[in-house]
């Protein structure tokens, strides 16, 4: 089924145009051939805007709830790198030395953060970090490391859903929201300690430009952590997953979100995304050092990380 402006079809005329196109713009999709389309930023934004109100429910249905486990693992790893800040706070309390508040604030950019699923986890896990002494006892100090998250997403509708959830959770003091795309961030360089992207990189209209921008806005020594679909390492699981993706996900998209075409795009974007090792090369090309990855659920998804070199 061809994805059209209304994400409904089939549309034989558009299919014929796509099959014969050389350098045409087809509903926001720049294509040199039908089998290798690249999607414009506006097209991708419209996909998520149309399904924003059902996005979280669809994530539960499409992954059978497993996405929650993946995001928990991802967010916990992201925050675990800042445990040392509480140690510095404890040291300052013992020595009665004031600590620069900026040094105890964890500045995080959650890119393509959508409805806030990862941002909320980052804040909650950061607030749960304990201050431990040398004997591993929990010390109750008046101040701990404070997370400050900026959620950047190209869809106003997705951000609107996220803001409502944020207010209900009482986390508005920790999270700011901004409409924008990865490829053209209007953010200062060397700003963030951490950049997180969960299931968003494959939706960049230009992956390399997006990674370059992530590198730019990170502070020297800062870390990027990416959770993304990848190459499954089990033939059996891969076959089952392909069947689920090609049949069940578009069906659920139509039945639940009223937009099967949008979810057909999402399945296609997963299929097109580079495998673990090829994506690592893209990260290295963007300038990141110490690039690594590990698989979850036999490689259906992978967690990628890298660091901005210090000067």
C-alpha atoms as a PDB file:
ATOM      1  CA  UNK A   1       0.000   0.000   0.000  1.00  0.00           C
ATOM      2  CA  UNK A   2       1.401   3.356  -1.021  1.00  0.00           C
ATOM      3  CA  UNK A   3       1.581   6.041   1.651  1.00  0.00           C
ATOM      4  CA  UNK A   4      -0.321   9.125   0.483  1.00  0.00           C
ATOM      5  CA  UNK A   5      -1.184  12.461   2.055  1.00  0.00           C
ATOM      6  CA  UNK A   6      -4.121  10.884   3.850  1.00  0.00           C
ATOM      7  CA  UNK A   7      -2.210   7.664   4.456  1.00  0.00           C
ATOM      8  CA  UNK A   8      -5.004   5.680   2.815  1.00  0.00           C
ATOM      9  CA  UNK A   9      -4.914   3.672  -0.354  1.00  0.00           C
ATOM     10  CA  UNK A  10      -4.288   1.866  -2.489  1.00  0.00           C
ATOM     11  CA  UNK A  11      -3.792   4.478  -5.184  1.00  0.00           C
ATOM     12  CA  UNK A  12      -2.805   2.876  -8.478  1.00  0.00           C
ATOM     13  CA  UNK A  13      -1.919   6.109 -10.224  1.00  0.00           C
ATOM     14  CA  UNK A  14       0.498   7.139  -7.476  1.00  0.00           C
ATOM     15  CA  UNK A  15       1.986   3.660  -7.441  1.00  0.00           C
ATOM     16  CA  UNK A  16       2.626   3.868 -11.165  1.00  0.00           C
ATOM     17  CA  UNK A  17       4.220   7.283 -10.728  1.00  0.00           C
ATOM     18  CA  UNK A  18       6.443   5.963  -7.971  1.00  0.00           C
ATOM     19  CA  UNK A  19       7.575   2.973  -9.982  1.00  0.00           C
ATOM     20  CA  UNK A  20       8.597   5.162 -12.908  1.00  0.00           C
ATOM     21  CA  UNK A  21       9.902   8.193 -11.012  1.00  0.00           C
ATOM     22  CA  UNK A  22      13.498   9.251 -11.450  1.00  0.00           C
ATOM     23  CA  UNK A  23      13.884  12.486  -9.536  1.00  0.00           C
ATOM     24  CA  UNK A  24      10.390  13.431  -8.376  1.00  0.00           C
ATOM     25  CA  UNK A  25       8.804  14.671  -5.195  1.00  0.00           C
ATOM     26  CA  UNK A  26       6.021  12.249  -4.302  1.00  0.00           C
ATOM     27  CA  UNK A  27       3.950  13.534  -1.371  1.00  0.00           C
ATOM     28  CA  UNK A  28       7.020  14.812   0.441  1.00  0.00           C
ATOM     29  CA  UNK A  29       9.172  11.807  -0.459  1.00  0.00           C
ATOM     30  CA  UNK A  30      12.273  12.483  -2.523  1.00  0.00           C
ATOM     31  CA  UNK A  31      12.978   9.361  -4.535  1.00  0.00           C
ATOM     32  CA  UNK A  32      15.360   8.210  -7.223  1.00  0.00           C
ATOM     33  CA  UNK A  33      13.593   4.857  -7.382  1.00  0.00           C
ATOM     34  CA  UNK A  34      10.625   3.373  -5.529  1.00  0.00           C
ATOM     35  CA  UNK A  35      12.767   0.943  -3.534  1.00  0.00           C
ATOM     36  CA  UNK A  36      14.976   3.651  -2.049  1.00  0.00           C
ATOM     37  CA  UNK A  37      12.897   6.583  -0.867  1.00  0.00           C
ATOM     38  CA  UNK A  38      14.119   9.241   1.518  1.00  0.00           C
ATOM     39  CA  UNK A  39      11.429  11.063   3.421  1.00  0.00           C
ATOM     40  CA  UNK A  40      11.276  14.809   3.900  1.00  0.00           C
ATOM     41  CA  UNK A  41      11.206  16.338   7.370  1.00  0.00           C
ATOM     42  CA  UNK A  42       7.670  17.592   6.763  1.00  0.00           C
ATOM     43  CA  UNK A  43       6.451  14.150   5.711  1.00  0.00           C
ATOM     44  CA  UNK A  44       7.930  12.517   8.814  1.00  0.00           C
ATOM     45  CA  UNK A  45       6.523  15.248  11.061  1.00  0.00           C
ATOM     46  CA  UNK A  46       3.065  14.724   9.594  1.00  0.00           C
ATOM     47  CA  UNK A  47       3.235  10.970  10.242  1.00  0.00           C
ATOM     48  CA  UNK A  48       3.680  11.484  13.975  1.00  0.00           C
ATOM     49  CA  UNK A  49       1.315  14.434  14.208  1.00  0.00           C
ATOM     50  CA  UNK A  50      -1.501  12.315  12.796  1.00  0.00           C
ATOM     51  CA  UNK A  51      -1.051   9.508  15.332  1.00  0.00           C
ATOM     52  CA  UNK A  52       0.042  11.536  18.391  1.00  0.00           C
ATOM     53  CA  UNK A  53      -3.049  10.822  20.497  1.00  0.00           C
ATOM     54  CA  UNK A  54      -2.709   7.056  20.014  1.00  0.00           C
ATOM     55  CA  UNK A  55       1.083   6.901  19.919  1.00  0.00           C
ATOM     56  CA  UNK A  56       1.670   5.565  23.436  1.00  0.00           C
ATOM     57  CA  UNK A  57      -1.110   2.995  23.170  1.00  0.00           C
ATOM     58  CA  UNK A  58       0.232   1.823  19.819  1.00  0.00           C
ATOM     59  CA  UNK A  59       3.727   1.417  21.284  1.00  0.00           C
ATOM     60  CA  UNK A  60       2.285  -0.932  23.897  1.00  0.00           C
ATOM     61  CA  UNK A  61       0.350  -2.926  21.317  1.00  0.00           C
ATOM     62  CA  UNK A  62       3.107  -3.084  18.693  1.00  0.00           C
ATOM     63  CA  UNK A  63       5.794  -4.232  21.125  1.00  0.00           C
ATOM     64  CA  UNK A  64       3.484  -6.185  23.452  1.00  0.00           C
ATOM     65  CA  UNK A  65       4.698  -3.834  26.180  1.00  0.00           C
ATOM     66  CA  UNK A  66       8.380  -4.728  25.765  1.00  0.00           C
ATOM     67  CA  UNK A  67       9.273  -1.153  24.770  1.00  0.00           C
ATOM     68  CA  UNK A  68       8.797  -0.196  28.430  1.00  0.00           C
ATOM     69  CA  UNK A  69      11.552  -2.615  29.487  1.00  0.00           C
ATOM     70  CA  UNK A  70      13.858  -1.377  26.733  1.00  0.00           C
ATOM     71  CA  UNK A  71      13.314   2.251  27.755  1.00  0.00           C
ATOM     72  CA  UNK A  72      13.878   1.460  31.444  1.00  0.00           C
ATOM     73  CA  UNK A  73      17.231  -0.166  30.642  1.00  0.00           C
ATOM     74  CA  UNK A  74      18.143   2.717  28.354  1.00  0.00           C
ATOM     75  CA  UNK A  75      17.259   5.488  30.813  1.00  0.00           C
ATOM     76  CA  UNK A  76      18.925   3.768  33.776  1.00  0.00           C
ATOM     77  CA  UNK A  77      22.167   3.476  31.838  1.00  0.00           C
ATOM     78  CA  UNK A  78      21.950   7.103  30.780  1.00  0.00           C
ATOM     79  CA  UNK A  79      21.588   8.311  34.355  1.00  0.00           C
ATOM     80  CA  UNK A  80      24.056   5.869  35.935  1.00  0.00           C
ATOM     81  CA  UNK A  81      26.893   7.891  34.434  1.00  0.00           C
ATOM     82  CA  UNK A  82      26.105  10.769  36.785  1.00  0.00           C
ATOM     83  CA  UNK A  83      26.292   8.984  40.138  1.00  0.00           C
ATOM     84  CA  UNK A  84      29.614  10.715  40.798  1.00  0.00           C
ATOM     85  CA  UNK A  85      27.842  14.088  41.058  1.00  0.00           C
ATOM     86  CA  UNK A  86      26.157  13.035  44.278  1.00  0.00           C
ATOM     87  CA  UNK A  87      29.568  12.029  45.586  1.00  0.00           C
ATOM     88  CA  UNK A  88      30.823  15.548  44.901  1.00  0.00           C
ATOM     89  CA  UNK A  89      27.804  16.978  46.703  1.00  0.00           C
ATOM     90  CA  UNK A  90      28.480  14.752  49.712  1.00  0.00           C
ATOM     91  CA  UNK A  91      32.118  15.805  49.759  1.00  0.00           C
ATOM     92  CA  UNK A  92      31.105  19.454  49.689  1.00  0.00           C
ATOM     93  CA  UNK A  93      28.642  18.909  52.539  1.00  0.00           C
ATOM     94  CA  UNK A  94      31.299  17.219  54.689  1.00  0.00           C
ATOM     95  CA  UNK A  95      33.825  19.972  54.026  1.00  0.00           C
ATOM     96  CA  UNK A  96      31.184  22.707  54.288  1.00  0.00           C
ATOM     97  CA  UNK A  97      32.192  23.933  50.849  1.00  0.00           C
ATOM     98  CA  UNK A  98      29.611  25.472  48.529  1.00  0.00           C
ATOM     99  CA  UNK A  99      29.208  23.683  45.200  1.00  0.00           C
ATOM    100  CA  UNK A 100      28.433  25.489  41.972  1.00  0.00           C
ATOM    101  CA  UNK A 101      24.811  24.654  41.172  1.00  0.00           C
ATOM    102  CA  UNK A 102      25.637  24.387  37.479  1.00  0.00           C
ATOM    103  CA  UNK A 103      28.024  21.532  38.278  1.00  0.00           C
ATOM    104  CA  UNK A 104      25.273  19.571  40.023  1.00  0.00           C
ATOM    105  CA  UNK A 105      22.734  19.994  37.225  1.00  0.00           C
ATOM    106  CA  UNK A 106      22.535  17.195  34.659  1.00  0.00           C
ATOM    107  CA  UNK A 107      21.691  18.917  31.385  1.00  0.00           C
ATOM    108  CA  UNK A 108      20.028  16.458  29.036  1.00  0.00           C
ATOM    109  CA  UNK A 109      18.695  16.800  25.504  1.00  0.00           C
ATOM    110  CA  UNK A 110      16.067  14.157  24.726  1.00  0.00           C
ATOM    111  CA  UNK A 111      15.935  14.349  20.966  1.00  0.00           C
ATOM    112  CA  UNK A 112      12.837  13.220  19.079  1.00  0.00           C
ATOM    113  CA  UNK A 113      11.429  12.889  22.589  1.00  0.00           C
ATOM    114  CA  UNK A 114       7.829  12.869  21.437  1.00  0.00           C
ATOM    115  CA  UNK A 115       5.369  12.233  24.228  1.00  0.00           C
ATOM    116  CA  UNK A 116       8.033  12.207  26.944  1.00  0.00           C
ATOM    117  CA  UNK A 117       8.353   8.487  27.648  1.00  0.00           C
ATOM    118  CA  UNK A 118      12.130   8.638  28.004  1.00  0.00           C
ATOM    119  CA  UNK A 119      12.310  12.126  29.524  1.00  0.00           C
ATOM    120  CA  UNK A 120      10.051  11.098  32.397  1.00  0.00           C
ATOM    121  CA  UNK A 121      12.197   8.054  33.077  1.00  0.00           C
ATOM    122  CA  UNK A 122      15.387  10.124  33.012  1.00  0.00           C
ATOM    123  CA  UNK A 123      14.027  12.535  35.608  1.00  0.00           C
ATOM    124  CA  UNK A 124      12.641   9.814  37.845  1.00  0.00           C
ATOM    125  CA  UNK A 125      15.818   7.719  37.765  1.00  0.00           C
ATOM    126  CA  UNK A 126      17.984  10.809  38.353  1.00  0.00           C
ATOM    127  CA  UNK A 127      15.895  11.805  41.350  1.00  0.00           C
ATOM    128  CA  UNK A 128      16.208   8.258  42.693  1.00  0.00           C
ATOM    129  CA  UNK A 129      20.018   8.360  42.663  1.00  0.00           C
ATOM    130  CA  UNK A 130      21.274   7.953  46.209  1.00  0.00           C
ATOM    131  CA  UNK A 131      24.137   9.731  47.932  1.00  0.00           C
ATOM    132  CA  UNK A 132      26.384   6.992  49.309  1.00  0.00           C
ATOM    133  CA  UNK A 133      29.401   7.258  51.589  1.00  0.00           C
ATOM    134  CA  UNK A 134      32.561   5.127  51.450  1.00  0.00           C
ATOM    135  CA  UNK A 135      30.819   2.349  53.362  1.00  0.00           C
ATOM    136  CA  UNK A 136      27.900   2.332  50.914  1.00  0.00           C
ATOM    137  CA  UNK A 137      25.511   3.891  53.424  1.00  0.00           C
ATOM    138  CA  UNK A 138      22.815   6.219  52.152  1.00  0.00           C
ATOM    139  CA  UNK A 139      23.459   9.769  53.348  1.00  0.00           C
ATOM    140  CA  UNK A 140      20.564  12.201  53.526  1.00  0.00           C
ATOM    141  CA  UNK A 141      21.808  15.546  52.251  1.00  0.00           C
ATOM    142  CA  UNK A 142      19.645  18.582  51.475  1.00  0.00           C
ATOM    143  CA  UNK A 143      20.648  18.632  47.809  1.00  0.00           C
ATOM    144  CA  UNK A 144      21.269  16.041  45.122  1.00  0.00           C
ATOM    145  CA  UNK A 145      22.158  16.196  41.449  1.00  0.00           C
ATOM    146  CA  UNK A 146      19.268  17.766  39.557  1.00  0.00           C
ATOM    147  CA  UNK A 147      18.169  16.664  36.080  1.00  0.00           C
ATOM    148  CA  UNK A 148      17.154  19.333  33.586  1.00  0.00           C
ATOM    149  CA  UNK A 149      15.766  17.856  30.381  1.00  0.00           C
ATOM    150  CA  UNK A 150      14.937  19.573  27.109  1.00  0.00           C
ATOM    151  CA  UNK A 151      12.632  17.513  24.901  1.00  0.00           C
ATOM    152  CA  UNK A 152      13.061  18.463  21.246  1.00  0.00           C
ATOM    153  CA  UNK A 153      10.617  17.049  18.701  1.00  0.00           C
ATOM    154  CA  UNK A 154       9.403  18.229  15.280  1.00  0.00           C
ATOM    155  CA  UNK A 155       5.739  17.476  16.034  1.00  0.00           C
ATOM    156  CA  UNK A 156       3.721  20.012  18.012  1.00  0.00           C
ATOM    157  CA  UNK A 157       1.006  17.413  18.497  1.00  0.00           C
ATOM    158  CA  UNK A 158       3.405  14.900  20.054  1.00  0.00           C
ATOM    159  CA  UNK A 159       4.790  17.586  22.354  1.00  0.00           C
ATOM    160  CA  UNK A 160       1.252  18.587  23.320  1.00  0.00           C
ATOM    161  CA  UNK A 161       0.574  15.041  24.505  1.00  0.00           C
ATOM    162  CA  UNK A 162       3.888  15.024  26.366  1.00  0.00           C
ATOM    163  CA  UNK A 163       3.177  18.295  28.158  1.00  0.00           C
ATOM    164  CA  UNK A 164      -0.164  16.995  29.417  1.00  0.00           C
ATOM    165  CA  UNK A 165       1.450  13.825  30.746  1.00  0.00           C
ATOM    166  CA  UNK A 166       4.250  15.876  32.312  1.00  0.00           C
ATOM    167  CA  UNK A 167       1.767  18.024  34.238  1.00  0.00           C
ATOM    168  CA  UNK A 168      -0.077  14.942  35.474  1.00  0.00           C
ATOM    169  CA  UNK A 169       3.197  13.453  36.725  1.00  0.00           C
ATOM    170  CA  UNK A 170       4.267  16.691  38.440  1.00  0.00           C
ATOM    171  CA  UNK A 171       7.562  16.866  36.532  1.00  0.00           C
ATOM    172  CA  UNK A 172       7.201  20.265  34.868  1.00  0.00           C
ATOM    173  CA  UNK A 173      10.022  21.794  36.943  1.00  0.00           C
ATOM    174  CA  UNK A 174      12.472  19.366  35.384  1.00  0.00           C
ATOM    175  CA  UNK A 175      11.433  19.292  31.726  1.00  0.00           C
ATOM    176  CA  UNK A 176      11.213  21.918  28.995  1.00  0.00           C
ATOM    177  CA  UNK A 177       9.724  21.338  25.564  1.00  0.00           C
ATOM    178  CA  UNK A 178      10.695  22.733  22.183  1.00  0.00           C
ATOM    179  CA  UNK A 179       9.535  22.118  18.627  1.00  0.00           C
ATOM    180  CA  UNK A 180      12.471  21.478  16.320  1.00  0.00           C
ATOM    181  CA  UNK A 181      14.245  18.902  14.207  1.00  0.00           C
ATOM    182  CA  UNK A 182      17.548  17.143  14.754  1.00  0.00           C
ATOM    183  CA  UNK A 183      19.108  18.294  11.509  1.00  0.00           C
ATOM    184  CA  UNK A 184      18.742  22.009  12.311  1.00  0.00           C
ATOM    185  CA  UNK A 185      18.859  22.429  16.086  1.00  0.00           C
ATOM    186  CA  UNK A 186      18.634  26.046  17.170  1.00  0.00           C
ATOM    187  CA  UNK A 187      20.641  25.305  20.315  1.00  0.00           C
ATOM    188  CA  UNK A 188      23.998  26.574  21.517  1.00  0.00           C
ATOM    189  CA  UNK A 189      27.085  24.422  21.034  1.00  0.00           C
ATOM    190  CA  UNK A 190      28.676  22.615  24.007  1.00  0.00           C
ATOM    191  CA  UNK A 191      25.465  22.801  26.073  1.00  0.00           C
ATOM    192  CA  UNK A 192      24.432  19.302  27.175  1.00  0.00           C
ATOM    193  CA  UNK A 193      26.039  16.642  29.346  1.00  0.00           C
ATOM    194  CA  UNK A 194      23.941  13.949  27.696  1.00  0.00           C
ATOM    195  CA  UNK A 195      21.967  13.521  24.481  1.00  0.00           C
ATOM    196  CA  UNK A 196      19.424  10.704  24.321  1.00  0.00           C
ATOM    197  CA  UNK A 197      17.523   9.493  21.271  1.00  0.00           C
ATOM    198  CA  UNK A 198      15.062   6.615  21.652  1.00  0.00           C
ATOM    199  CA  UNK A 199      13.571   5.231  18.444  1.00  0.00           C
ATOM    200  CA  UNK A 200      14.146   8.549  16.727  1.00  0.00           C
ATOM    201  CA  UNK A 201      17.345   8.395  14.678  1.00  0.00           C
ATOM    202  CA  UNK A 202      15.763   6.315  11.927  1.00  0.00           C
ATOM    203  CA  UNK A 203      13.204   9.123  11.517  1.00  0.00           C
ATOM    204  CA  UNK A 204      15.841  11.782  10.871  1.00  0.00           C
ATOM    205  CA  UNK A 205      15.462  12.985   7.289  1.00  0.00           C
ATOM    206  CA  UNK A 206      19.285  13.157   7.234  1.00  0.00           C
ATOM    207  CA  UNK A 207      20.900  10.809   9.771  1.00  0.00           C
ATOM    208  CA  UNK A 208      24.432  12.124   9.294  1.00  0.00           C
ATOM    209  CA  UNK A 209      23.361  15.760   9.695  1.00  0.00           C
ATOM    210  CA  UNK A 210      21.400  14.842  12.821  1.00  0.00           C
ATOM    211  CA  UNK A 211      24.371  13.046  14.373  1.00  0.00           C
ATOM    212  CA  UNK A 212      26.625  16.000  13.549  1.00  0.00           C
ATOM    213  CA  UNK A 213      24.221  18.318  15.366  1.00  0.00           C
ATOM    214  CA  UNK A 214      24.160  15.991  18.374  1.00  0.00           C
ATOM    215  CA  UNK A 215      27.942  16.156  18.488  1.00  0.00           C
ATOM    216  CA  UNK A 216      27.874  19.951  18.260  1.00  0.00           C
ATOM    217  CA  UNK A 217      25.487  20.537  21.172  1.00  0.00           C
ATOM    218  CA  UNK A 218      27.223  18.072  23.524  1.00  0.00           C
ATOM    219  CA  UNK A 219      29.743  19.421  25.994  1.00  0.00           C
ATOM    220  CA  UNK A 220      33.306  18.104  25.553  1.00  0.00           C
ATOM    221  CA  UNK A 221      33.319  14.757  27.344  1.00  0.00           C
ATOM    222  CA  UNK A 222      29.533  14.501  26.997  1.00  0.00           C
ATOM    223  CA  UNK A 223      27.777  11.283  26.021  1.00  0.00           C
ATOM    224  CA  UNK A 224      25.222  10.331  23.407  1.00  0.00           C
ATOM    225  CA  UNK A 225      23.004   7.315  23.995  1.00  0.00           C
ATOM    226  CA  UNK A 226      20.784   5.970  21.222  1.00  0.00           C
ATOM    227  CA  UNK A 227      18.118   3.269  21.429  1.00  0.00           C
ATOM    228  CA  UNK A 228      17.082   2.041  18.007  1.00  0.00           C
ATOM    229  CA  UNK A 229      15.782  -0.939  16.090  1.00  0.00           C
ATOM    230  CA  UNK A 230      18.571  -2.998  14.600  1.00  0.00           C
ATOM    231  CA  UNK A 231      19.548  -6.300  13.002  1.00  0.00           C
ATOM    232  CA  UNK A 232      18.091  -9.264  14.885  1.00  0.00           C
ATOM    233  CA  UNK A 233      20.693 -11.952  15.614  1.00  0.00           C
ATOM    234  CA  UNK A 234      18.207 -14.842  15.671  1.00  0.00           C
ATOM    235  CA  UNK A 235      16.870 -16.170  12.358  1.00  0.00           C
ATOM    236  CA  UNK A 236      13.731 -17.556  13.966  1.00  0.00           C
ATOM    237  CA  UNK A 237      13.001 -14.418  15.964  1.00  0.00           C
ATOM    238  CA  UNK A 238      13.775 -12.294  12.919  1.00  0.00           C
ATOM    239  CA  UNK A 239      11.263 -14.219  10.804  1.00  0.00           C
ATOM    240  CA  UNK A 240       8.581 -13.917  13.473  1.00  0.00           C
ATOM    241  CA  UNK A 241       9.314 -10.221  13.913  1.00  0.00           C
ATOM    242  CA  UNK A 242       9.133  -9.579  10.149  1.00  0.00           C
ATOM    243  CA  UNK A 243       5.748 -11.283   9.994  1.00  0.00           C
ATOM    244  CA  UNK A 244       4.482  -9.243  12.943  1.00  0.00           C
ATOM    245  CA  UNK A 245       5.832  -6.009  11.469  1.00  0.00           C
ATOM    246  CA  UNK A 246       4.479  -6.498   7.973  1.00  0.00           C
ATOM    247  CA  UNK A 247       1.023  -7.755   8.913  1.00  0.00           C
ATOM    248  CA  UNK A 248       0.067  -6.966  12.496  1.00  0.00           C
ATOM    249  CA  UNK A 249       1.531  -3.486  12.929  1.00  0.00           C
ATOM    250  CA  UNK A 250      -0.156  -1.849   9.891  1.00  0.00           C
ATOM    251  CA  UNK A 251      -3.397  -3.631  10.860  1.00  0.00           C
ATOM    252  CA  UNK A 252      -3.176  -2.293  14.419  1.00  0.00           C
ATOM    253  CA  UNK A 253      -2.336   1.141  13.060  1.00  0.00           C
ATOM    254  CA  UNK A 254      -5.514   1.159  11.003  1.00  0.00           C
ATOM    255  CA  UNK A 255      -7.732  -0.426  13.656  1.00  0.00           C
ATOM    256  CA  UNK A 256      -6.529   1.555  16.681  1.00  0.00           C
ATOM    257  CA  UNK A 257      -5.025   4.779  15.333  1.00  0.00           C
ATOM    258  CA  UNK A 258      -7.067   4.923  12.129  1.00  0.00           C
ATOM    259  CA  UNK A 259      -3.863   5.286  10.144  1.00  0.00           C
ATOM    260  CA  UNK A 260      -2.363   2.075   8.816  1.00  0.00           C
ATOM    261  CA  UNK A 261      -0.259   3.958   6.275  1.00  0.00           C
ATOM    262  CA  UNK A 262       1.640   5.852   8.959  1.00  0.00           C
ATOM    263  CA  UNK A 263       2.623   2.607  10.622  1.00  0.00           C
ATOM    264  CA  UNK A 264       3.598   1.107   7.270  1.00  0.00           C
ATOM    265  CA  UNK A 265       6.099   3.970   7.031  1.00  0.00           C
ATOM    266  CA  UNK A 266       7.423   3.165  10.515  1.00  0.00           C
ATOM    267  CA  UNK A 267       7.929  -0.482   9.554  1.00  0.00           C
ATOM    268  CA  UNK A 268       9.741   0.591   6.383  1.00  0.00           C
ATOM    269  CA  UNK A 269      11.995   2.918   8.381  1.00  0.00           C
ATOM    270  CA  UNK A 270      13.009   0.018  10.632  1.00  0.00           C
ATOM    271  CA  UNK A 271      13.850  -2.133   7.631  1.00  0.00           C
ATOM    272  CA  UNK A 272      15.995   0.591   6.061  1.00  0.00           C
ATOM    273  CA  UNK A 273      17.988   1.388   9.201  1.00  0.00           C
ATOM    274  CA  UNK A 274      21.670   0.289   9.222  1.00  0.00           C
ATOM    275  CA  UNK A 275      22.787  -2.714  11.234  1.00  0.00           C
ATOM    276  CA  UNK A 276      24.716  -2.307  14.477  1.00  0.00           C
ATOM    277  CA  UNK A 277      28.191  -2.124  12.960  1.00  0.00           C
ATOM    278  CA  UNK A 278      27.280   0.104  10.029  1.00  0.00           C
ATOM    279  CA  UNK A 279      25.555   2.564  12.340  1.00  0.00           C
ATOM    280  CA  UNK A 280      28.631   2.605  14.595  1.00  0.00           C
ATOM    281  CA  UNK A 281      30.635   3.756  11.570  1.00  0.00           C
ATOM    282  CA  UNK A 282      28.147   6.581  11.018  1.00  0.00           C
ATOM    283  CA  UNK A 283      28.598   7.682  14.628  1.00  0.00           C
ATOM    284  CA  UNK A 284      32.375   7.613  14.277  1.00  0.00           C
ATOM    285  CA  UNK A 285      32.140   9.627  11.065  1.00  0.00           C
ATOM    286  CA  UNK A 286      30.189  12.269  13.014  1.00  0.00           C
ATOM    287  CA  UNK A 287      33.161  12.577  15.385  1.00  0.00           C
ATOM    288  CA  UNK A 288      32.134  10.415  18.337  1.00  0.00           C
ATOM    289  CA  UNK A 289      34.825   8.515  20.249  1.00  0.00           C
ATOM    290  CA  UNK A 290      34.591   5.232  22.175  1.00  0.00           C
ATOM    291  CA  UNK A 291      31.579   4.187  20.122  1.00  0.00           C
ATOM    292  CA  UNK A 292      29.986   0.957  21.338  1.00  0.00           C
ATOM    293  CA  UNK A 293      26.708  -0.946  21.288  1.00  0.00           C
ATOM    294  CA  UNK A 294      24.950  -3.841  22.946  1.00  0.00           C
ATOM    295  CA  UNK A 295      21.853  -5.743  21.882  1.00  0.00           C
ATOM    296  CA  UNK A 296      18.507  -6.172  23.593  1.00  0.00           C
ATOM    297  CA  UNK A 297      16.074  -8.968  22.717  1.00  0.00           C
ATOM    298  CA  UNK A 298      18.643 -10.653  20.457  1.00  0.00           C
ATOM    299  CA  UNK A 299      19.286  -7.491  18.503  1.00  0.00           C
ATOM    300  CA  UNK A 300      15.742  -6.456  17.646  1.00  0.00           C
ATOM    301  CA  UNK A 301      16.916  -3.235  19.258  1.00  0.00           C
ATOM    302  CA  UNK A 302      20.375  -2.022  20.212  1.00  0.00           C
ATOM    303  CA  UNK A 303      21.748   0.620  22.553  1.00  0.00           C
ATOM    304  CA  UNK A 304      24.516   2.688  20.956  1.00  0.00           C
ATOM    305  CA  UNK A 305      26.788   5.083  22.821  1.00  0.00           C
ATOM    306  CA  UNK A 306      29.612   7.475  22.075  1.00  0.00           C
ATOM    307  CA  UNK A 307      31.437  10.439  23.572  1.00  0.00           C
ATOM    308  CA  UNK A 308      32.450  13.882  22.398  1.00  0.00           C
ATOM    309  CA  UNK A 309      36.193  14.161  22.677  1.00  0.00           C
ATOM    310  CA  UNK A 310      37.566  16.596  25.227  1.00  0.00           C
ATOM    311  CA  UNK A 311      39.636  19.466  23.975  1.00  0.00           C
END
